Amino acid sequence: MATFELYRRSTIGMCLTETLDEMVSSGTLSPEIAIQVLVQFDKSMTEALETQVKSKVSIKGHLHTYRFCDNVWTFILTDAVFKSEDNQENVGRVKIVACDSKLLTQ
């Protein structure tokens, strides 16, 4: 299964990367194993989001910027409102990155 490396820029992905870097620097982990861990992280995040997340959210806001490059959409919204079944959250500024999941099977 091919995966995107998008989730590495999430909070948990950045923490994992920093921890792996520290472990490689201290000699606790080899660089090859660290890369394998990151690849597995990418696969696990993709699978978890596909199979375990059942919630739906609607997003409304003012479109500040949008871009389509290399089959990746990037949207920057201001004054966004996220609504789910049971709550609503207002966010001043949000960046949404979206990729075509069909590209993962190629």
PDB file of N, CA and C in Angstrom:
ATOM      1  N   MET A   1       0.843  -1.175   0.000  1.00  0.00           N
ATOM      2  CA  MET A   1       0.000   0.000   0.000  1.00  0.00           C
ATOM      3  C   MET A   1       0.891   1.242   0.000  1.00  0.00           C
ATOM      4  N   ALA A   2       0.627   2.138  -0.926  1.00  0.00           N
ATOM      5  CA  ALA A   2       1.348   3.406  -0.944  1.00  0.00           C
ATOM      6  C   ALA A   2       0.696   4.350   0.055  1.00  0.00           C
ATOM      7  N   THR A   3       1.467   5.258   0.595  1.00  0.00           N
ATOM      8  CA  THR A   3       0.911   6.213   1.554  1.00  0.00           C
ATOM      9  C   THR A   3       1.491   7.589   1.293  1.00  0.00           C
ATOM     10  N   PHE A   4       0.808   8.575   1.826  1.00  0.00           N
ATOM     11  CA  PHE A   4       1.318   9.930   1.816  1.00  0.00           C
ATOM     12  C   PHE A   4       2.071  10.167   3.124  1.00  0.00           C
ATOM     13  N   GLU A   5       2.972  11.099   3.100  1.00  0.00           N
ATOM     14  CA  GLU A   5       3.727  11.436   4.302  1.00  0.00           C
ATOM     15  C   GLU A   5       3.114  12.644   5.013  1.00  0.00           C
ATOM     16  N   LEU A   6       1.862  12.944   4.721  1.00  0.00           N
ATOM     17  CA  LEU A   6       1.191  14.115   5.289  1.00  0.00           C
ATOM     18  C   LEU A   6       1.134  14.094   6.804  1.00  0.00           C
ATOM     19  N   TYR A   7       0.908  12.932   7.369  1.00  0.00           N
ATOM     20  CA  TYR A   7       0.669  12.836   8.810  1.00  0.00           C
ATOM     21  C   TYR A   7       1.938  13.066   9.620  1.00  0.00           C
ATOM     22  N   ARG A   8       3.075  13.057   8.979  1.00  0.00           N
ATOM     23  CA  ARG A   8       4.331  13.350   9.680  1.00  0.00           C
ATOM     24  C   ARG A   8       4.382  14.812  10.122  1.00  0.00           C
ATOM     25  N   ARG A   9       3.602  15.666   9.499  1.00  0.00           N
ATOM     26  CA  ARG A   9       3.582  17.088   9.880  1.00  0.00           C
ATOM     27  C   ARG A   9       2.518  17.386  10.919  1.00  0.00           C
ATOM     28  N   SER A  10       1.784  16.350  11.349  1.00  0.00           N
ATOM     29  CA  SER A  10       0.826  16.528  12.440  1.00  0.00           C
ATOM     30  C   SER A  10       1.607  16.611  13.750  1.00  0.00           C
ATOM     31  N   THR A  11       0.931  16.969  14.824  1.00  0.00           N
ATOM     32  CA  THR A  11       1.600  17.086  16.117  1.00  0.00           C
ATOM     33  C   THR A  11       2.227  15.767  16.533  1.00  0.00           C
ATOM     34  N   ILE A  12       1.478  14.680  16.414  1.00  0.00           N
ATOM     35  CA  ILE A  12       2.020  13.381  16.815  1.00  0.00           C
ATOM     36  C   ILE A  12       3.150  12.933  15.884  1.00  0.00           C
ATOM     37  N   GLY A  13       3.030  13.262  14.601  1.00  0.00           N
ATOM     38  CA  GLY A  13       4.088  12.921  13.647  1.00  0.00           C
ATOM     39  C   GLY A  13       5.377  13.682  13.920  1.00  0.00           C
ATOM     40  N   MET A  14       5.250  14.965  14.264  1.00  0.00           N
ATOM     41  CA  MET A  14       6.438  15.777  14.580  1.00  0.00           C
ATOM     42  C   MET A  14       7.108  15.268  15.858  1.00  0.00           C
ATOM     43  N   CYS A  15       6.301  14.904  16.865  1.00  0.00           N
ATOM     44  CA  CYS A  15       6.866  14.365  18.110  1.00  0.00           C
ATOM     45  C   CYS A  15       7.587  13.050  17.851  1.00  0.00           C
ATOM     46  N   LEU A  16       6.975  12.196  17.029  1.00  0.00           N
ATOM     47  CA  LEU A  16       7.624  10.929  16.687  1.00  0.00           C
ATOM     48  C   LEU A  16       8.946  11.172  15.964  1.00  0.00           C
ATOM     49  N   THR A  17       8.944  12.079  15.007  1.00  0.00           N
ATOM     50  CA  THR A  17      10.164  12.389  14.253  1.00  0.00           C
ATOM     51  C   THR A  17      11.264  12.929  15.161  1.00  0.00           C
ATOM     52  N   GLU A  18      10.890  13.843  16.067  1.00  0.00           N
ATOM     53  CA  GLU A  18      11.883  14.397  17.003  1.00  0.00           C
ATOM     54  C   GLU A  18      12.459  13.314  17.907  1.00  0.00           C
ATOM     55  N   THR A  19      11.603  12.441  18.396  1.00  0.00           N
ATOM     56  CA  THR A  19      12.056  11.362  19.268  1.00  0.00           C
ATOM     57  C   THR A  19      12.981  10.405  18.521  1.00  0.00           C
ATOM     58  N   LEU A  20      12.608  10.064  17.296  1.00  0.00           N
ATOM     59  CA  LEU A  20      13.458   9.178  16.494  1.00  0.00           C
ATOM     60  C   LEU A  20      14.801   9.835  16.204  1.00  0.00           C
ATOM     61  N   ASP A  21      14.795  11.123  15.917  1.00  0.00           N
ATOM     62  CA  ASP A  21      16.052  11.849  15.675  1.00  0.00           C
ATOM     63  C   ASP A  21      16.955  11.803  16.907  1.00  0.00           C
ATOM     64  N   GLU A  22      16.361  12.016  18.077  1.00  0.00           N
ATOM     65  CA  GLU A  22      17.148  11.948  19.320  1.00  0.00           C
ATOM     66  C   GLU A  22      17.725  10.556  19.538  1.00  0.00           C
ATOM     67  N   MET A  23      16.924   9.539  19.265  1.00  0.00           N
ATOM     68  CA  MET A  23      17.382   8.161  19.454  1.00  0.00           C
ATOM     69  C   MET A  23      18.499   7.796  18.475  1.00  0.00           C
ATOM     70  N   VAL A  24      18.401   8.292  17.250  1.00  0.00           N
ATOM     71  CA  VAL A  24      19.461   8.042  16.263  1.00  0.00           C
ATOM     72  C   VAL A  24      20.724   8.788  16.679  1.00  0.00           C
ATOM     73  N   SER A  25      20.578  10.035  17.130  1.00  0.00           N
ATOM     74  CA  SER A  25      21.735  10.836  17.555  1.00  0.00           C
ATOM     75  C   SER A  25      22.467  10.211  18.741  1.00  0.00           C
ATOM     76  N   SER A  26      21.699   9.618  19.656  1.00  0.00           N
ATOM     77  CA  SER A  26      22.319   9.011  20.838  1.00  0.00           C
ATOM     78  C   SER A  26      22.824   7.596  20.580  1.00  0.00           C
ATOM     79  N   GLY A  27      22.548   7.064  19.399  1.00  0.00           N
ATOM     80  CA  GLY A  27      23.012   5.722  19.062  1.00  0.00           C
ATOM     81  C   GLY A  27      22.086   4.615  19.545  1.00  0.00           C
ATOM     82  N   THR A  28      20.943   4.972  20.094  1.00  0.00           N
ATOM     83  CA  THR A  28      19.982   3.976  20.584  1.00  0.00           C
ATOM     84  C   THR A  28      19.289   3.256  19.435  1.00  0.00           C
ATOM     85  N   LEU A  29      19.162   3.932  18.304  1.00  0.00           N
ATOM     86  CA  LEU A  29      18.420   3.406  17.161  1.00  0.00           C
ATOM     87  C   LEU A  29      19.212   3.678  15.899  1.00  0.00           C
ATOM     88  N   SER A  30      19.168   2.737  14.960  1.00  0.00           N
ATOM     89  CA  SER A  30      19.853   2.964  13.684  1.00  0.00           C
ATOM     90  C   SER A  30      18.966   3.793  12.773  1.00  0.00           C
ATOM     91  N   PRO A  31      19.554   4.548  11.846  1.00  0.00           N
ATOM     92  CA  PRO A  31      18.751   5.357  10.922  1.00  0.00           C
ATOM     93  C   PRO A  31      17.781   4.508  10.088  1.00  0.00           C
ATOM     94  N   GLU A  32      18.188   3.301   9.754  1.00  0.00           N
ATOM     95  CA  GLU A  32      17.334   2.422   8.953  1.00  0.00           C
ATOM     96  C   GLU A  32      16.061   2.046   9.713  1.00  0.00           C
ATOM     97  N   ILE A  33      16.217   1.737  10.993  1.00  0.00           N
ATOM     98  CA  ILE A  33      15.044   1.390  11.817  1.00  0.00           C
ATOM     99  C   ILE A  33      14.150   2.616  11.985  1.00  0.00           C
ATOM    100  N   ALA A  34      14.738   3.791  12.152  1.00  0.00           N
ATOM    101  CA  ALA A  34      13.949   5.021  12.295  1.00  0.00           C
ATOM    102  C   ALA A  34      13.108   5.257  11.043  1.00  0.00           C
ATOM    103  N   ILE A  35      13.665   5.025   9.878  1.00  0.00           N
ATOM    104  CA  ILE A  35      12.917   5.188   8.625  1.00  0.00           C
ATOM    105  C   ILE A  35      11.790   4.167   8.550  1.00  0.00           C
ATOM    106  N   GLN A  36      12.061   2.937   8.971  1.00  0.00           N
ATOM    107  CA  GLN A  36      11.017   1.908   8.977  1.00  0.00           C
ATOM    108  C   GLN A  36       9.863   2.299   9.909  1.00  0.00           C
ATOM    109  N   VAL A  37      10.199   2.890  11.038  1.00  0.00           N
ATOM    110  CA  VAL A  37       9.167   3.334  11.980  1.00  0.00           C
ATOM    111  C   VAL A  37       8.299   4.414  11.339  1.00  0.00           C
ATOM    112  N   LEU A  38       8.916   5.368  10.651  1.00  0.00           N
ATOM    113  CA  LEU A  38       8.155   6.432   9.993  1.00  0.00           C
ATOM    114  C   LEU A  38       7.264   5.890   8.880  1.00  0.00           C
ATOM    115  N   VAL A  39       7.763   4.937   8.114  1.00  0.00           N
ATOM    116  CA  VAL A  39       6.959   4.326   7.055  1.00  0.00           C
ATOM    117  C   VAL A  39       5.756   3.597   7.661  1.00  0.00           C
ATOM    118  N   GLN A  40       5.995   2.880   8.760  1.00  0.00           N
ATOM    119  CA  GLN A  40       4.889   2.188   9.429  1.00  0.00           C
ATOM    120  C   GLN A  40       3.887   3.186  10.008  1.00  0.00           C
ATOM    121  N   PHE A  41       4.385   4.291  10.527  1.00  0.00           N
ATOM    122  CA  PHE A  41       3.510   5.350  11.032  1.00  0.00           C
ATOM    123  C   PHE A  41       2.593   5.853   9.919  1.00  0.00           C
ATOM    124  N   ASP A  42       3.158   6.115   8.731  1.00  0.00           N
ATOM    125  CA  ASP A  42       2.361   6.571   7.588  1.00  0.00           C
ATOM    126  C   ASP A  42       1.264   5.559   7.256  1.00  0.00           C
ATOM    127  N   LYS A  43       1.626   4.284   7.191  1.00  0.00           N
ATOM    128  CA  LYS A  43       0.656   3.230   6.874  1.00  0.00           C
ATOM    129  C   LYS A  43      -0.422   3.128   7.950  1.00  0.00           C
ATOM    130  N   SER A  44      -0.018   3.172   9.211  1.00  0.00           N
ATOM    131  CA  SER A  44      -0.966   3.032  10.316  1.00  0.00           C
ATOM    132  C   SER A  44      -1.947   4.198  10.371  1.00  0.00           C
ATOM    133  N   MET A  45      -1.465   5.409  10.158  1.00  0.00           N
ATOM    134  CA  MET A  45      -2.342   6.576  10.177  1.00  0.00           C
ATOM    135  C   MET A  45      -3.358   6.503   9.036  1.00  0.00           C
ATOM    136  N   THR A  46      -2.899   6.132   7.856  1.00  0.00           N
ATOM    137  CA  THR A  46      -3.797   6.013   6.707  1.00  0.00           C
ATOM    138  C   THR A  46      -4.870   4.967   6.979  1.00  0.00           C
ATOM    139  N   GLU A  47      -4.456   3.813   7.471  1.00  0.00           N
ATOM    140  CA  GLU A  47      -5.404   2.736   7.746  1.00  0.00           C
ATOM    141  C   GLU A  47      -6.389   3.131   8.852  1.00  0.00           C
ATOM    142  N   ALA A  48      -5.895   3.744   9.914  1.00  0.00           N
ATOM    143  CA  ALA A  48      -6.766   4.136  11.028  1.00  0.00           C
ATOM    144  C   ALA A  48      -7.812   5.145  10.581  1.00  0.00           C
ATOM    145  N   LEU A  49      -7.403   6.112   9.782  1.00  0.00           N
ATOM    146  CA  LEU A  49      -8.363   7.124   9.329  1.00  0.00           C
ATOM    147  C   LEU A  49      -9.390   6.529   8.368  1.00  0.00           C
ATOM    148  N   GLU A  50      -8.973   5.535   7.585  1.00  0.00           N
ATOM    149  CA  GLU A  50      -9.902   4.903   6.648  1.00  0.00           C
ATOM    150  C   GLU A  50     -10.898   3.996   7.351  1.00  0.00           C
ATOM    151  N   THR A  51     -10.472   3.300   8.395  1.00  0.00           N
ATOM    152  CA  THR A  51     -11.311   2.258   8.981  1.00  0.00           C
ATOM    153  C   THR A  51     -11.960   2.621  10.302  1.00  0.00           C
ATOM    154  N   GLN A  52     -11.380   3.515  11.067  1.00  0.00           N
ATOM    155  CA  GLN A  52     -11.864   3.745  12.419  1.00  0.00           C
ATOM    156  C   GLN A  52     -12.616   5.056  12.614  1.00  0.00           C
ATOM    157  N   VAL A  53     -12.418   6.012  11.747  1.00  0.00           N
ATOM    158  CA  VAL A  53     -13.078   7.303  11.918  1.00  0.00           C
ATOM    159  C   VAL A  53     -14.409   7.270  11.179  1.00  0.00           C
ATOM    160  N   LYS A  54     -15.475   7.424  11.931  1.00  0.00           N
ATOM    161  CA  LYS A  54     -16.821   7.374  11.358  1.00  0.00           C
ATOM    162  C   LYS A  54     -17.541   8.720  11.427  1.00  0.00           C
ATOM    163  N   SER A  55     -16.968   9.690  12.091  1.00  0.00           N
ATOM    164  CA  SER A  55     -17.601  10.995  12.275  1.00  0.00           C
ATOM    165  C   SER A  55     -17.576  11.803  10.986  1.00  0.00           C
ATOM    166  N   LYS A  56     -18.576  12.637  10.848  1.00  0.00           N
ATOM    167  CA  LYS A  56     -18.617  13.575   9.737  1.00  0.00           C
ATOM    168  C   LYS A  56     -18.649  14.980  10.306  1.00  0.00           C
ATOM    169  N   VAL A  57     -17.947  15.880   9.642  1.00  0.00           N
ATOM    170  CA  VAL A  57     -17.864  17.265  10.078  1.00  0.00           C
ATOM    171  C   VAL A  57     -18.131  18.151   8.872  1.00  0.00           C
ATOM    172  N   SER A  58     -18.894  19.206   9.088  1.00  0.00           N
ATOM    173  CA  SER A  58     -19.054  20.209   8.034  1.00  0.00           C
ATOM    174  C   SER A  58     -18.218  21.427   8.418  1.00  0.00           C
ATOM    175  N   ILE A  59     -17.652  22.060   7.407  1.00  0.00           N
ATOM    176  CA  ILE A  59     -16.774  23.209   7.621  1.00  0.00           C
ATOM    177  C   ILE A  59     -17.295  24.378   6.791  1.00  0.00           C
ATOM    178  N   LYS A  60     -17.441  25.519   7.435  1.00  0.00           N
ATOM    179  CA  LYS A  60     -17.801  26.744   6.727  1.00  0.00           C
ATOM    180  C   LYS A  60     -16.835  27.827   7.168  1.00  0.00           C
ATOM    181  N   GLY A  61     -16.444  28.659   6.228  1.00  0.00           N
ATOM    182  CA  GLY A  61     -15.543  29.750   6.545  1.00  0.00           C
ATOM    183  C   GLY A  61     -15.273  30.581   5.313  1.00  0.00           C
ATOM    184  N   HIS A  62     -14.401  31.549   5.456  1.00  0.00           N
ATOM    185  CA  HIS A  62     -14.016  32.408   4.340  1.00  0.00           C
ATOM    186  C   HIS A  62     -12.752  31.833   3.718  1.00  0.00           C
ATOM    187  N   LEU A  63     -12.824  31.566   2.422  1.00  0.00           N
ATOM    188  CA  LEU A  63     -11.679  31.005   1.717  1.00  0.00           C
ATOM    189  C   LEU A  63     -10.653  32.110   1.487  1.00  0.00           C
ATOM    190  N   HIS A  64      -9.523  31.984   2.160  1.00  0.00           N
ATOM    191  CA  HIS A  64      -8.449  32.979   2.053  1.00  0.00           C
ATOM    192  C   HIS A  64      -7.552  32.642   0.863  1.00  0.00           C
ATOM    193  N   THR A  65      -7.120  31.370   0.776  1.00  0.00           N
ATOM    194  CA  THR A  65      -6.198  30.938  -0.272  1.00  0.00           C
ATOM    195  C   THR A  65      -6.506  29.500  -0.645  1.00  0.00           C
ATOM    196  N   TYR A  66      -6.354  29.169  -1.918  1.00  0.00           N
ATOM    197  CA  TYR A  66      -6.434  27.776  -2.322  1.00  0.00           C
ATOM    198  C   TYR A  66      -5.367  27.504  -3.378  1.00  0.00           C
ATOM    199  N   ARG A  67      -4.950  26.228  -3.442  1.00  0.00           N
ATOM    200  CA  ARG A  67      -3.904  25.852  -4.397  1.00  0.00           C
ATOM    201  C   ARG A  67      -4.060  24.380  -4.735  1.00  0.00           C
ATOM    202  N   PHE A  68      -3.803  24.033  -5.996  1.00  0.00           N
ATOM    203  CA  PHE A  68      -3.790  22.643  -6.426  1.00  0.00           C
ATOM    204  C   PHE A  68      -2.455  22.406  -7.107  1.00  0.00           C
ATOM    205  N   CYS A  69      -1.633  21.572  -6.501  1.00  0.00           N
ATOM    206  CA  CYS A  69      -0.300  21.311  -7.036  1.00  0.00           C
ATOM    207  C   CYS A  69       0.046  19.850  -6.784  1.00  0.00           C
ATOM    208  N   ASP A  70       0.503  19.159  -7.800  1.00  0.00           N
ATOM    209  CA  ASP A  70       0.905  17.749  -7.690  1.00  0.00           C
ATOM    210  C   ASP A  70      -0.205  16.889  -7.076  1.00  0.00           C
ATOM    211  N   ASN A  71      -1.433  17.087  -7.544  1.00  0.00           N
ATOM    212  CA  ASN A  71      -2.603  16.329  -7.077  1.00  0.00           C
ATOM    213  C   ASN A  71      -2.905  16.527  -5.597  1.00  0.00           C
ATOM    214  N   VAL A  72      -2.494  17.655  -5.033  1.00  0.00           N
ATOM    215  CA  VAL A  72      -2.768  17.966  -3.633  1.00  0.00           C
ATOM    216  C   VAL A  72      -3.459  19.326  -3.566  1.00  0.00           C
ATOM    217  N   TRP A  73      -4.636  19.350  -2.935  1.00  0.00           N
ATOM    218  CA  TRP A  73      -5.348  20.591  -2.698  1.00  0.00           C
ATOM    219  C   TRP A  73      -4.931  21.152  -1.349  1.00  0.00           C
ATOM    220  N   THR A  74      -4.699  22.448  -1.288  1.00  0.00           N
ATOM    221  CA  THR A  74      -4.436  23.149  -0.035  1.00  0.00           C
ATOM    222  C   THR A  74      -5.403  24.319   0.059  1.00  0.00           C
ATOM    223  N   PHE A  75      -6.144  24.361   1.164  1.00  0.00           N
ATOM    224  CA  PHE A  75      -7.100  25.434   1.411  1.00  0.00           C
ATOM    225  C   PHE A  75      -6.730  26.119   2.721  1.00  0.00           C
ATOM    226  N   ILE A  76      -6.766  27.435   2.730  1.00  0.00           N
ATOM    227  CA  ILE A  76      -6.611  28.183   3.976  1.00  0.00           C
ATOM    228  C   ILE A  76      -7.907  28.952   4.191  1.00  0.00           C
ATOM    229  N   LEU A  77      -8.569  28.637   5.313  1.00  0.00           N
ATOM    230  CA  LEU A  77      -9.838  29.276   5.662  1.00  0.00           C
ATOM    231  C   LEU A  77      -9.643  30.183   6.864  1.00  0.00           C
ATOM    232  N   THR A  78     -10.356  31.291   6.874  1.00  0.00           N
ATOM    233  CA  THR A  78     -10.388  32.158   8.051  1.00  0.00           C
ATOM    234  C   THR A  78     -11.801  32.163   8.601  1.00  0.00           C
ATOM    235  N   ASP A  79     -11.908  32.431   9.888  1.00  0.00           N
ATOM    236  CA  ASP A  79     -13.205  32.457  10.573  1.00  0.00           C
ATOM    237  C   ASP A  79     -14.021  31.201  10.259  1.00  0.00           C
ATOM    238  N   ALA A  80     -13.377  30.052  10.405  1.00  0.00           N
ATOM    239  CA  ALA A  80     -14.014  28.776  10.075  1.00  0.00           C
ATOM    240  C   ALA A  80     -14.855  28.265  11.237  1.00  0.00           C
ATOM    241  N   VAL A  81     -15.924  27.559  10.894  1.00  0.00           N
ATOM    242  CA  VAL A  81     -16.791  26.923  11.877  1.00  0.00           C
ATOM    243  C   VAL A  81     -16.859  25.441  11.529  1.00  0.00           C
ATOM    244  N   PHE A  82     -16.429  24.594  12.473  1.00  0.00           N
ATOM    245  CA  PHE A  82     -16.494  23.148  12.324  1.00  0.00           C
ATOM    246  C   PHE A  82     -17.724  22.667  13.084  1.00  0.00           C
ATOM    247  N   LYS A  83     -18.636  21.956  12.392  1.00  0.00           N
ATOM    248  CA  LYS A  83     -19.843  21.445  13.036  1.00  0.00           C
ATOM    249  C   LYS A  83     -19.895  19.934  12.900  1.00  0.00           C
ATOM    250  N   SER A  84     -20.108  19.267  14.034  1.00  0.00           N
ATOM    251  CA  SER A  84     -20.359  17.828  14.021  1.00  0.00           C
ATOM    252  C   SER A  84     -21.758  17.622  14.582  1.00  0.00           C
ATOM    253  N   GLU A  85     -22.131  16.365  14.800  1.00  0.00           N
ATOM    254  CA  GLU A  85     -23.479  16.075  15.289  1.00  0.00           C
ATOM    255  C   GLU A  85     -23.754  16.706  16.644  1.00  0.00           C
ATOM    256  N   ASP A  86     -22.737  16.718  17.515  1.00  0.00           N
ATOM    257  CA  ASP A  86     -22.992  17.151  18.883  1.00  0.00           C
ATOM    258  C   ASP A  86     -22.274  18.416  19.319  1.00  0.00           C
ATOM    259  N   ASN A  87     -21.433  19.005  18.494  1.00  0.00           N
ATOM    260  CA  ASN A  87     -20.813  20.268  18.917  1.00  0.00           C
ATOM    261  C   ASN A  87     -20.371  21.108  17.734  1.00  0.00           C
ATOM    262  N   GLN A  88     -19.924  22.305  18.067  1.00  0.00           N
ATOM    263  CA  GLN A  88     -19.479  23.282  17.071  1.00  0.00           C
ATOM    264  C   GLN A  88     -18.228  23.966  17.609  1.00  0.00           C
ATOM    265  N   GLU A  89     -17.262  24.202  16.726  1.00  0.00           N
ATOM    266  CA  GLU A  89     -16.006  24.841  17.133  1.00  0.00           C
ATOM    267  C   GLU A  89     -15.676  25.955  16.141  1.00  0.00           C
ATOM    268  N   ASN A  90     -15.360  27.134  16.665  1.00  0.00           N
ATOM    269  CA  ASN A  90     -14.934  28.260  15.831  1.00  0.00           C
ATOM    270  C   ASN A  90     -13.411  28.317  15.831  1.00  0.00           C
ATOM    271  N   VAL A  91     -12.843  28.498  14.640  1.00  0.00           N
ATOM    272  CA  VAL A  91     -11.391  28.552  14.488  1.00  0.00           C
ATOM    273  C   VAL A  91     -11.051  29.786  13.665  1.00  0.00           C
ATOM    274  N   GLY A  92     -10.080  30.556  14.114  1.00  0.00           N
ATOM    275  CA  GLY A  92      -9.701  31.777  13.421  1.00  0.00           C
ATOM    276  C   GLY A  92      -9.073  31.533  12.063  1.00  0.00           C
ATOM    277  N   ARG A  93      -8.198  30.544  11.995  1.00  0.00           N
ATOM    278  CA  ARG A  93      -7.501  30.248  10.742  1.00  0.00           C
ATOM    279  C   ARG A  93      -7.178  28.766  10.718  1.00  0.00           C
ATOM    280  N   VAL A  94      -7.437  28.108   9.588  1.00  0.00           N
ATOM    281  CA  VAL A  94      -7.168  26.680   9.475  1.00  0.00           C
ATOM    282  C   VAL A  94      -6.628  26.373   8.075  1.00  0.00           C
ATOM    283  N   LYS A  95      -5.692  25.438   8.025  1.00  0.00           N
ATOM    284  CA  LYS A  95      -5.128  24.979   6.757  1.00  0.00           C
ATOM    285  C   LYS A  95      -5.575  23.542   6.549  1.00  0.00           C
ATOM    286  N   ILE A  96      -6.182  23.277   5.405  1.00  0.00           N
ATOM    287  CA  ILE A  96      -6.655  21.940   5.068  1.00  0.00           C
ATOM    288  C   ILE A  96      -5.872  21.457   3.863  1.00  0.00           C
ATOM    289  N   VAL A  97      -5.274  20.273   3.987  1.00  0.00           N
ATOM    290  CA  VAL A  97      -4.539  19.651   2.893  1.00  0.00           C
ATOM    291  C   VAL A  97      -5.277  18.380   2.522  1.00  0.00           C
ATOM    292  N   ALA A  98      -5.640  18.237   1.251  1.00  0.00           N
ATOM    293  CA  ALA A  98      -6.421  17.090   0.811  1.00  0.00           C
ATOM    294  C   ALA A  98      -5.764  16.442  -0.401  1.00  0.00           C
ATOM    295  N   CYS A  99      -5.698  15.110  -0.356  1.00  0.00           N
ATOM    296  CA  CYS A  99      -5.121  14.339  -1.450  1.00  0.00           C
ATOM    297  C   CYS A  99      -6.145  13.336  -1.951  1.00  0.00           C
ATOM    298  N   ASP A 100      -6.046  12.964  -3.205  1.00  0.00           N
ATOM    299  CA  ASP A 100      -6.940  11.980  -3.791  1.00  0.00           C
ATOM    300  C   ASP A 100      -6.547  10.595  -3.303  1.00  0.00           C
ATOM    301  N   SER A 101      -7.447   9.930  -2.587  1.00  0.00           N
ATOM    302  CA  SER A 101      -7.130   8.616  -2.032  1.00  0.00           C
ATOM    303  C   SER A 101      -6.920   7.575  -3.116  1.00  0.00           C
ATOM    304  N   LYS A 102      -7.413   7.820  -4.303  1.00  0.00           N
ATOM    305  CA  LYS A 102      -7.192   6.877  -5.413  1.00  0.00           C
ATOM    306  C   LYS A 102      -5.716   6.786  -5.773  1.00  0.00           C
ATOM    307  N   LEU A 103      -4.969   7.830  -5.479  1.00  0.00           N
ATOM    308  CA  LEU A 103      -3.533   7.819  -5.763  1.00  0.00           C
ATOM    309  C   LEU A 103      -2.784   6.827  -4.882  1.00  0.00           C
ATOM    310  N   LEU A 104      -3.367   6.456  -3.749  1.00  0.00           N
ATOM    311  CA  LEU A 104      -2.716   5.510  -2.834  1.00  0.00           C
ATOM    312  C   LEU A 104      -2.685   4.107  -3.399  1.00  0.00           C
ATOM    313  N   THR A 105      -3.583   3.777  -4.320  1.00  0.00           N
ATOM    314  CA  THR A 105      -3.645   2.424  -4.856  1.00  0.00           C
ATOM    315  C   THR A 105      -2.833   2.259  -6.118  1.00  0.00           C
ATOM    316  N   GLN A 106      -2.235   3.304  -6.596  1.00  0.00           N
ATOM    317  CA  GLN A 106      -1.450   3.224  -7.829  1.00  0.00           C
ATOM    318  C   GLN A 106      -0.043   2.740  -7.543  1.00  0.00           C
TER     319      GLN A 106
END
